[in-house]
Amino acid sequence: MLVPESVREAFRCRVLRPLLRLLRGGVTPRRLAWSLAMGIVIGINPSVGFTSVVVILLAWAFGLSQIGESSFAKVLRG
């Protein structure tokens, strides 16, 4: 076993399950990919509170999944 069980379970809970919920909810893979990419780019920004506003505005402007973006921005911030 290369990765400890606790790390695998955390990855499943914080990353895989939310992504699967989005896909099962009708979000297209292309839209989800764009949402995740934007969330990663915005999540790297260290400004507290500012990232949430930017995520919501960009998701609304591009018609992307706000849940996908905010979840990945949240994962990157810890």
PDB file of N, CA and C in Angstrom:
ATOM      1  N   MET A   1       0.845  -1.169   0.000  1.00  0.00           N
ATOM      2  CA  MET A   1       0.000   0.000   0.000  1.00  0.00           C
ATOM      3  C   MET A   1       0.899   1.244   0.000  1.00  0.00           C
ATOM      4  N   LEU A   2       0.805   2.039  -1.039  1.00  0.00           N
ATOM      5  CA  LEU A   2       1.643   3.222  -1.175  1.00  0.00           C
ATOM      6  C   LEU A   2       1.099   4.432  -0.432  1.00  0.00           C
ATOM      7  N   VAL A   3      -0.214   4.546  -0.362  1.00  0.00           N
ATOM      8  CA  VAL A   3      -0.842   5.705   0.266  1.00  0.00           C
ATOM      9  C   VAL A   3      -1.607   5.222   1.502  1.00  0.00           C
ATOM     10  N   PRO A   4      -1.432   5.885   2.642  1.00  0.00           N
ATOM     11  CA  PRO A   4      -2.161   5.476   3.844  1.00  0.00           C
ATOM     12  C   PRO A   4      -3.679   5.550   3.640  1.00  0.00           C
ATOM     13  N   GLU A   5      -4.381   4.705   4.347  1.00  0.00           N
ATOM     14  CA  GLU A   5      -5.838   4.622   4.228  1.00  0.00           C
ATOM     15  C   GLU A   5      -6.516   5.948   4.571  1.00  0.00           C
ATOM     16  N   SER A   6      -5.999   6.658   5.562  1.00  0.00           N
ATOM     17  CA  SER A   6      -6.622   7.924   5.960  1.00  0.00           C
ATOM     18  C   SER A   6      -6.532   8.968   4.837  1.00  0.00           C
ATOM     19  N   VAL A   7      -5.430   8.969   4.094  1.00  0.00           N
ATOM     20  CA  VAL A   7      -5.272   9.906   2.981  1.00  0.00           C
ATOM     21  C   VAL A   7      -6.219   9.532   1.846  1.00  0.00           C
ATOM     22  N   ARG A   8      -6.327   8.236   1.576  1.00  0.00           N
ATOM     23  CA  ARG A   8      -7.246   7.791   0.517  1.00  0.00           C
ATOM     24  C   ARG A   8      -8.692   8.130   0.854  1.00  0.00           C
ATOM     25  N   GLU A   9      -9.077   7.934   2.112  1.00  0.00           N
ATOM     26  CA  GLU A   9     -10.451   8.237   2.514  1.00  0.00           C
ATOM     27  C   GLU A   9     -10.721   9.737   2.451  1.00  0.00           C
ATOM     28  N   ALA A  10      -9.754  10.543   2.842  1.00  0.00           N
ATOM     29  CA  ALA A  10      -9.917  11.997   2.753  1.00  0.00           C
ATOM     30  C   ALA A  10     -10.068  12.425   1.296  1.00  0.00           C
ATOM     31  N   PHE A  11      -9.293  11.836   0.392  1.00  0.00           N
ATOM     32  CA  PHE A  11      -9.393  12.147  -1.031  1.00  0.00           C
ATOM     33  C   PHE A  11     -10.766  11.762  -1.569  1.00  0.00           C
ATOM     34  N   ARG A  12     -11.243  10.596  -1.156  1.00  0.00           N
ATOM     35  CA  ARG A  12     -12.579  10.163  -1.598  1.00  0.00           C
ATOM     36  C   ARG A  12     -13.660  11.127  -1.127  1.00  0.00           C
ATOM     37  N   CYS A  13     -13.590  11.533   0.136  1.00  0.00           N
ATOM     38  CA  CYS A  13     -14.629  12.397   0.707  1.00  0.00           C
ATOM     39  C   CYS A  13     -14.575  13.819   0.172  1.00  0.00           C
ATOM     40  N   ARG A  14     -13.376  14.357   0.001  1.00  0.00           N
ATOM     41  CA  ARG A  14     -13.235  15.763  -0.367  1.00  0.00           C
ATOM     42  C   ARG A  14     -13.185  16.009  -1.866  1.00  0.00           C
ATOM     43  N   VAL A  15     -12.826  14.983  -2.659  1.00  0.00           N
ATOM     44  CA  VAL A  15     -12.661  15.203  -4.099  1.00  0.00           C
ATOM     45  C   VAL A  15     -13.580  14.300  -4.925  1.00  0.00           C
ATOM     46  N   LEU A  16     -13.444  12.999  -4.774  1.00  0.00           N
ATOM     47  CA  LEU A  16     -14.172  12.082  -5.656  1.00  0.00           C
ATOM     48  C   LEU A  16     -15.689  12.133  -5.483  1.00  0.00           C
ATOM     49  N   ARG A  17     -16.167  12.070  -4.257  1.00  0.00           N
ATOM     50  CA  ARG A  17     -17.628  12.059  -4.055  1.00  0.00           C
ATOM     51  C   ARG A  17     -18.308  13.327  -4.548  1.00  0.00           C
ATOM     52  N   PRO A  18     -17.765  14.530  -4.270  1.00  0.00           N
ATOM     53  CA  PRO A  18     -18.415  15.728  -4.837  1.00  0.00           C
ATOM     54  C   PRO A  18     -18.411  15.751  -6.363  1.00  0.00           C
ATOM     55  N   LEU A  19     -17.320  15.281  -6.982  1.00  0.00           N
ATOM     56  CA  LEU A  19     -17.272  15.245  -8.451  1.00  0.00           C
ATOM     57  C   LEU A  19     -18.297  14.277  -9.011  1.00  0.00           C
ATOM     58  N   LEU A  20     -18.422  13.113  -8.410  1.00  0.00           N
ATOM     59  CA  LEU A  20     -19.411  12.142  -8.877  1.00  0.00           C
ATOM     60  C   LEU A  20     -20.833  12.660  -8.691  1.00  0.00           C
ATOM     61  N   ARG A  21     -21.084  13.374  -7.589  1.00  0.00           N
ATOM     62  CA  ARG A  21     -22.408  13.966  -7.396  1.00  0.00           C
ATOM     63  C   ARG A  21     -22.744  14.969  -8.491  1.00  0.00           C
ATOM     64  N   LEU A  22     -21.750  15.767  -8.891  1.00  0.00           N
ATOM     65  CA  LEU A  22     -21.969  16.746  -9.960  1.00  0.00           C
ATOM     66  C   LEU A  22     -22.258  16.052 -11.284  1.00  0.00           C
ATOM     67  N   LEU A  23     -21.486  15.027 -11.603  1.00  0.00           N
ATOM     68  CA  LEU A  23     -21.700  14.317 -12.864  1.00  0.00           C
ATOM     69  C   LEU A  23     -23.052  13.623 -12.898  1.00  0.00           C
ATOM     70  N   ARG A  24     -23.448  13.054 -11.787  1.00  0.00           N
ATOM     71  CA  ARG A  24     -24.759  12.392 -11.725  1.00  0.00           C
ATOM     72  C   ARG A  24     -25.901  13.399 -11.739  1.00  0.00           C
ATOM     73  N   GLY A  25     -25.597  14.637 -11.363  1.00  0.00           N
ATOM     74  CA  GLY A  25     -26.617  15.684 -11.335  1.00  0.00           C
ATOM     75  C   GLY A  25     -26.866  16.330 -12.682  1.00  0.00           C
ATOM     76  N   GLY A  26     -26.141  15.925 -13.714  1.00  0.00           N
ATOM     77  CA  GLY A  26     -26.406  16.436 -15.051  1.00  0.00           C
ATOM     78  C   GLY A  26     -25.361  17.397 -15.592  1.00  0.00           C
ATOM     79  N   VAL A  27     -24.297  17.647 -14.870  1.00  0.00           N
ATOM     80  CA  VAL A  27     -23.246  18.530 -15.369  1.00  0.00           C
ATOM     81  C   VAL A  27     -22.431  17.770 -16.414  1.00  0.00           C
ATOM     82  N   THR A  28     -22.180  18.396 -17.550  1.00  0.00           N
ATOM     83  CA  THR A  28     -21.391  17.734 -18.590  1.00  0.00           C
ATOM     84  C   THR A  28     -19.924  17.679 -18.175  1.00  0.00           C
ATOM     85  N   PRO A  29     -19.197  16.671 -18.625  1.00  0.00           N
ATOM     86  CA  PRO A  29     -17.774  16.584 -18.281  1.00  0.00           C
ATOM     87  C   PRO A  29     -16.979  17.808 -18.722  1.00  0.00           C
ATOM     88  N   ARG A  30     -17.320  18.378 -19.871  1.00  0.00           N
ATOM     89  CA  ARG A  30     -16.612  19.569 -20.349  1.00  0.00           C
ATOM     90  C   ARG A  30     -16.821  20.752 -19.408  1.00  0.00           C
ATOM     91  N   ARG A  31     -18.056  20.974 -19.008  1.00  0.00           N
ATOM     92  CA  ARG A  31     -18.370  22.074 -18.093  1.00  0.00           C
ATOM     93  C   ARG A  31     -17.710  21.850 -16.730  1.00  0.00           C
ATOM     94  N   LEU A  32     -17.701  20.609 -16.282  1.00  0.00           N
ATOM     95  CA  LEU A  32     -17.064  20.282 -15.011  1.00  0.00           C
ATOM     96  C   LEU A  32     -15.558  20.511 -15.089  1.00  0.00           C
ATOM     97  N   ALA A  33     -14.949  20.145 -16.199  1.00  0.00           N
ATOM     98  CA  ALA A  33     -13.504  20.355 -16.373  1.00  0.00           C
ATOM     99  C   ALA A  33     -13.166  21.846 -16.332  1.00  0.00           C
ATOM    100  N   TRP A  34     -13.954  22.666 -17.015  1.00  0.00           N
ATOM    101  CA  TRP A  34     -13.705  24.112 -16.980  1.00  0.00           C
ATOM    102  C   TRP A  34     -13.897  24.660 -15.571  1.00  0.00           C
ATOM    103  N   SER A  35     -14.919  24.190 -14.895  1.00  0.00           N
ATOM    104  CA  SER A  35     -15.174  24.658 -13.530  1.00  0.00           C
ATOM    105  C   SER A  35     -14.023  24.298 -12.604  1.00  0.00           C
ATOM    106  N   LEU A  36     -13.538  23.077 -12.720  1.00  0.00           N
ATOM    107  CA  LEU A  36     -12.430  22.649 -11.865  1.00  0.00           C
ATOM    108  C   LEU A  36     -11.154  23.410 -12.187  1.00  0.00           C
ATOM    109  N   ALA A  37     -10.904  23.645 -13.471  1.00  0.00           N
ATOM    110  CA  ALA A  37      -9.704  24.392 -13.862  1.00  0.00           C
ATOM    111  C   ALA A  37      -9.756  25.815 -13.305  1.00  0.00           C
ATOM    112  N   MET A  38     -10.904  26.458 -13.413  1.00  0.00           N
ATOM    113  CA  MET A  38     -11.040  27.815 -12.870  1.00  0.00           C
ATOM    114  C   MET A  38     -10.905  27.800 -11.350  1.00  0.00           C
ATOM    115  N   GLY A  39     -11.463  26.793 -10.709  1.00  0.00           N
ATOM    116  CA  GLY A  39     -11.358  26.682  -9.253  1.00  0.00           C
ATOM    117  C   GLY A  39      -9.921  26.504  -8.796  1.00  0.00           C
ATOM    118  N   ILE A  40      -9.147  25.720  -9.549  1.00  0.00           N
ATOM    119  CA  ILE A  40      -7.745  25.516  -9.204  1.00  0.00           C
ATOM    120  C   ILE A  40      -6.964  26.810  -9.366  1.00  0.00           C
ATOM    121  N   VAL A  41      -7.173  27.489 -10.476  1.00  0.00           N
ATOM    122  CA  VAL A  41      -6.456  28.748 -10.726  1.00  0.00           C
ATOM    123  C   VAL A  41      -6.803  29.787  -9.670  1.00  0.00           C
ATOM    124  N   ILE A  42      -8.065  29.906  -9.338  1.00  0.00           N
ATOM    125  CA  ILE A  42      -8.490  30.895  -8.352  1.00  0.00           C
ATOM    126  C   ILE A  42      -8.107  30.456  -6.942  1.00  0.00           C
ATOM    127  N   GLY A  43      -8.137  29.162  -6.673  1.00  0.00           N
ATOM    128  CA  GLY A  43      -7.818  28.648  -5.344  1.00  0.00           C
ATOM    129  C   GLY A  43      -6.377  28.869  -4.936  1.00  0.00           C
ATOM    130  N   ILE A  44      -5.496  29.067  -5.897  1.00  0.00           N
ATOM    131  CA  ILE A  44      -4.092  29.314  -5.584  1.00  0.00           C
ATOM    132  C   ILE A  44      -3.914  30.701  -4.976  1.00  0.00           C
ATOM    133  N   ASN A  45      -4.828  31.603  -5.268  1.00  0.00           N
ATOM    134  CA  ASN A  45      -4.778  32.965  -4.742  1.00  0.00           C
ATOM    135  C   ASN A  45      -4.925  32.928  -3.214  1.00  0.00           C
ATOM    136  N   PRO A  46      -3.964  33.507  -2.463  1.00  0.00           N
ATOM    137  CA  PRO A  46      -4.012  33.411  -1.002  1.00  0.00           C
ATOM    138  C   PRO A  46      -4.957  34.388  -0.300  1.00  0.00           C
ATOM    139  N   SER A  47      -5.607  35.272  -1.020  1.00  0.00           N
ATOM    140  CA  SER A  47      -6.481  36.263  -0.385  1.00  0.00           C
ATOM    141  C   SER A  47      -7.721  35.594   0.197  1.00  0.00           C
ATOM    142  N   VAL A  48      -7.949  35.795   1.477  1.00  0.00           N
ATOM    143  CA  VAL A  48      -9.097  35.196   2.154  1.00  0.00           C
ATOM    144  C   VAL A  48     -10.353  35.998   1.823  1.00  0.00           C
ATOM    145  N   GLY A  49     -11.416  35.310   1.461  1.00  0.00           N
ATOM    146  CA  GLY A  49     -12.683  35.963   1.140  1.00  0.00           C
ATOM    147  C   GLY A  49     -12.773  36.442  -0.292  1.00  0.00           C
ATOM    148  N   PHE A  50     -11.684  36.907  -0.827  1.00  0.00           N
ATOM    149  CA  PHE A  50     -11.657  37.416  -2.196  1.00  0.00           C
ATOM    150  C   PHE A  50     -11.902  36.289  -3.192  1.00  0.00           C
ATOM    151  N   THR A  51     -11.356  35.111  -2.894  1.00  0.00           N
ATOM    152  CA  THR A  51     -11.498  33.993  -3.836  1.00  0.00           C
ATOM    153  C   THR A  51     -12.954  33.563  -3.980  1.00  0.00           C
ATOM    154  N   SER A  52     -13.712  33.606  -2.897  1.00  0.00           N
ATOM    155  CA  SER A  52     -15.127  33.216  -2.974  1.00  0.00           C
ATOM    156  C   SER A  52     -15.902  34.143  -3.900  1.00  0.00           C
ATOM    157  N   VAL A  53     -15.649  35.429  -3.793  1.00  0.00           N
ATOM    158  CA  VAL A  53     -16.333  36.407  -4.647  1.00  0.00           C
ATOM    159  C   VAL A  53     -15.936  36.197  -6.107  1.00  0.00           C
ATOM    160  N   VAL A  54     -14.658  35.999  -6.356  1.00  0.00           N
ATOM    161  CA  VAL A  54     -14.181  35.791  -7.731  1.00  0.00           C
ATOM    162  C   VAL A  54     -14.766  34.514  -8.310  1.00  0.00           C
ATOM    163  N   VAL A  55     -14.811  33.443  -7.534  1.00  0.00           N
ATOM    164  CA  VAL A  55     -15.379  32.170  -8.005  1.00  0.00           C
ATOM    165  C   VAL A  55     -16.830  32.350  -8.414  1.00  0.00           C
ATOM    166  N   ILE A  56     -17.612  32.985  -7.590  1.00  0.00           N
ATOM    167  CA  ILE A  56     -19.037  33.163  -7.886  1.00  0.00           C
ATOM    168  C   ILE A  56     -19.236  34.037  -9.124  1.00  0.00           C
ATOM    169  N   LEU A  57     -18.491  35.130  -9.226  1.00  0.00           N
ATOM    170  CA  LEU A  57     -18.629  36.018 -10.385  1.00  0.00           C
ATOM    171  C   LEU A  57     -18.210  35.335 -11.689  1.00  0.00           C
ATOM    172  N   LEU A  58     -17.080  34.633 -11.685  1.00  0.00           N
ATOM    173  CA  LEU A  58     -16.626  33.962 -12.901  1.00  0.00           C
ATOM    174  C   LEU A  58     -17.549  32.805 -13.292  1.00  0.00           C
ATOM    175  N   ALA A  59     -17.999  32.051 -12.311  1.00  0.00           N
ATOM    176  CA  ALA A  59     -18.918  30.955 -12.615  1.00  0.00           C
ATOM    177  C   ALA A  59     -20.214  31.482 -13.213  1.00  0.00           C
ATOM    178  N   TRP A  60     -20.706  32.582 -12.663  1.00  0.00           N
ATOM    179  CA  TRP A  60     -21.923  33.180 -13.200  1.00  0.00           C
ATOM    180  C   TRP A  60     -21.678  33.729 -14.609  1.00  0.00           C
ATOM    181  N   ALA A  61     -20.549  34.398 -14.821  1.00  0.00           N
ATOM    182  CA  ALA A  61     -20.248  35.003 -16.119  1.00  0.00           C
ATOM    183  C   ALA A  61     -20.083  33.957 -17.217  1.00  0.00           C
ATOM    184  N   PHE A  62     -19.457  32.844 -16.887  1.00  0.00           N
ATOM    185  CA  PHE A  62     -19.209  31.810 -17.894  1.00  0.00           C
ATOM    186  C   PHE A  62     -20.250  30.705 -17.883  1.00  0.00           C
ATOM    187  N   GLY A  63     -21.198  30.761 -16.963  1.00  0.00           N
ATOM    188  CA  GLY A  63     -22.229  29.734 -16.876  1.00  0.00           C
ATOM    189  C   GLY A  63     -21.672  28.388 -16.423  1.00  0.00           C
ATOM    190  N   LEU A  64     -20.665  28.421 -15.564  1.00  0.00           N
ATOM    191  CA  LEU A  64     -20.032  27.190 -15.098  1.00  0.00           C
ATOM    192  C   LEU A  64     -20.652  26.739 -13.782  1.00  0.00           C
ATOM    193  N   SER A  65     -20.223  25.584 -13.330  1.00  0.00           N
ATOM    194  CA  SER A  65     -20.729  25.029 -12.083  1.00  0.00           C
ATOM    195  C   SER A  65     -20.082  25.734 -10.897  1.00  0.00           C
ATOM    196  N   GLN A  66     -20.872  26.471 -10.150  1.00  0.00           N
ATOM    197  CA  GLN A  66     -20.342  27.177  -8.984  1.00  0.00           C
ATOM    198  C   GLN A  66     -19.925  26.192  -7.906  1.00  0.00           C
ATOM    199  N   ILE A  67     -20.612  25.073  -7.830  1.00  0.00           N
ATOM    200  CA  ILE A  67     -20.264  24.072  -6.826  1.00  0.00           C
ATOM    201  C   ILE A  67     -18.904  23.466  -7.133  1.00  0.00           C
ATOM    202  N   GLY A  68     -18.655  23.159  -8.397  1.00  0.00           N
ATOM    203  CA  GLY A  68     -17.375  22.578  -8.781  1.00  0.00           C
ATOM    204  C   GLY A  68     -16.216  23.519  -8.536  1.00  0.00           C
ATOM    205  N   GLU A  69     -16.410  24.762  -8.888  1.00  0.00           N
ATOM    206  CA  GLU A  69     -15.339  25.736  -8.687  1.00  0.00           C
ATOM    207  C   GLU A  69     -15.075  25.968  -7.217  1.00  0.00           C
ATOM    208  N   SER A  70     -16.118  26.187  -6.456  1.00  0.00           N
ATOM    209  CA  SER A  70     -15.903  26.507  -5.049  1.00  0.00           C
ATOM    210  C   SER A  70     -15.363  25.318  -4.283  1.00  0.00           C
ATOM    211  N   SER A  71     -15.750  24.103  -4.662  1.00  0.00           N
ATOM    212  CA  SER A  71     -15.231  22.944  -3.942  1.00  0.00           C
ATOM    213  C   SER A  71     -13.744  22.772  -4.204  1.00  0.00           C
ATOM    214  N   PHE A  72     -13.282  22.983  -5.431  1.00  0.00           N
ATOM    215  CA  PHE A  72     -11.864  22.848  -5.685  1.00  0.00           C
ATOM    216  C   PHE A  72     -11.072  24.012  -5.110  1.00  0.00           C
ATOM    217  N   ALA A  73     -11.638  25.199  -5.112  1.00  0.00           N
ATOM    218  CA  ALA A  73     -10.951  26.320  -4.468  1.00  0.00           C
ATOM    219  C   ALA A  73     -10.809  26.054  -2.976  1.00  0.00           C
ATOM    220  N   LYS A  74     -11.853  25.446  -2.378  1.00  0.00           N
ATOM    221  CA  LYS A  74     -11.815  25.125  -0.956  1.00  0.00           C
ATOM    222  C   LYS A  74     -10.788  24.030  -0.666  1.00  0.00           C
ATOM    223  N   VAL A  75     -10.701  23.023  -1.528  1.00  0.00           N
ATOM    224  CA  VAL A  75      -9.736  21.941  -1.340  1.00  0.00           C
ATOM    225  C   VAL A  75      -8.317  22.490  -1.395  1.00  0.00           C
ATOM    226  N   LEU A  76      -8.057  23.386  -2.321  1.00  0.00           N
ATOM    227  CA  LEU A  76      -6.697  23.932  -2.459  1.00  0.00           C
ATOM    228  C   LEU A  76      -6.310  24.809  -1.272  1.00  0.00           C
ATOM    229  N   ARG A  77      -7.298  25.488  -0.685  1.00  0.00           N
ATOM    230  CA  ARG A  77      -6.979  26.349   0.449  1.00  0.00           C
ATOM    231  C   ARG A  77      -6.803  25.547   1.721  1.00  0.00           C
ATOM    232  N   GLY A  78      -7.251  24.288   1.716  1.00  0.00           N
ATOM    233  CA  GLY A  78      -6.990  23.439   2.889  1.00  0.00           C
ATOM    234  C   GLY A  78      -8.205  23.182   3.651  1.00  0.00           C
TER     235      GLY A  78
END
